[in-house]
Amino acid sequence: MEQKDKEPEPISLIAEFWGPHATHHGWTAVPNSLLMLQAELKVSPTDFCILLNVLMHQWPTDGKSFSFPAIDTIAKRIGVSRRTVQRGINKLESLGLIKKEQTSRNNRLTKGKNIIDTQLLKNKISNLSEGIIEKEKRKQKATIVLHSCPLCGTKAKDIKSAKEIFGFRKTIAGDIINSFCIKCRMVEIEEGDLF
């Protein structure tokens, strides 16, 4: 019987970007919002590294937001003392970003490691990100005004609309936008006040 060649498994975009050796142990997906909001969340660089290591032990595919990484493992990875990691986890908990639950050494799964739940972090990032998105939308709606009429407030946002709404006048310095819009100038000319 002829054995068919197995098709190679498709390479992930992450592995393609970083290379198979760098992604051999997997990768940790975090939203860019977490990086953008680090200062607002009041998370120091060391505490942020600790948080990333906690997140590294979560598996998004199982839908759970908790893990139980070993304090010694995190300390060794980021080059700090065990006590620094403990303080960092306590600080993250006091900031309302994680919830820590102690377990018994007799627990076959956790073997006495703390269970760290990051659902609070997910909720906070989601809420803060919503605020950023709303701010970006408001910023996009606010158009840059090139010129506005002091009488009626009509605005021109670019040269083309300025020409249509205000018109230009020739000066020694070159063409400049008229101060008042054409409509207001017409009203004032009819009433005889402006010119």
Foldseek 3Di string as FASTA:
>chain_A
DDDDDDDDDDDDPVCVVVPCVVCVVHDFDDDVLCVVCCVVLVQDPLLVLLVSVQRVQDDVVVVFQKGFDDLVVSCVVVVHDSVVSVVSLVVCVVSQQKDWDFDDCPPPPRNGTIIIGRVSNVVVSVVVVVVVVVVVVVVVVDAAFPAAAPPPGDTDRDPVVLCVFFNWDQDPVGTDGHNHTPVVVVVCVVVVNPD
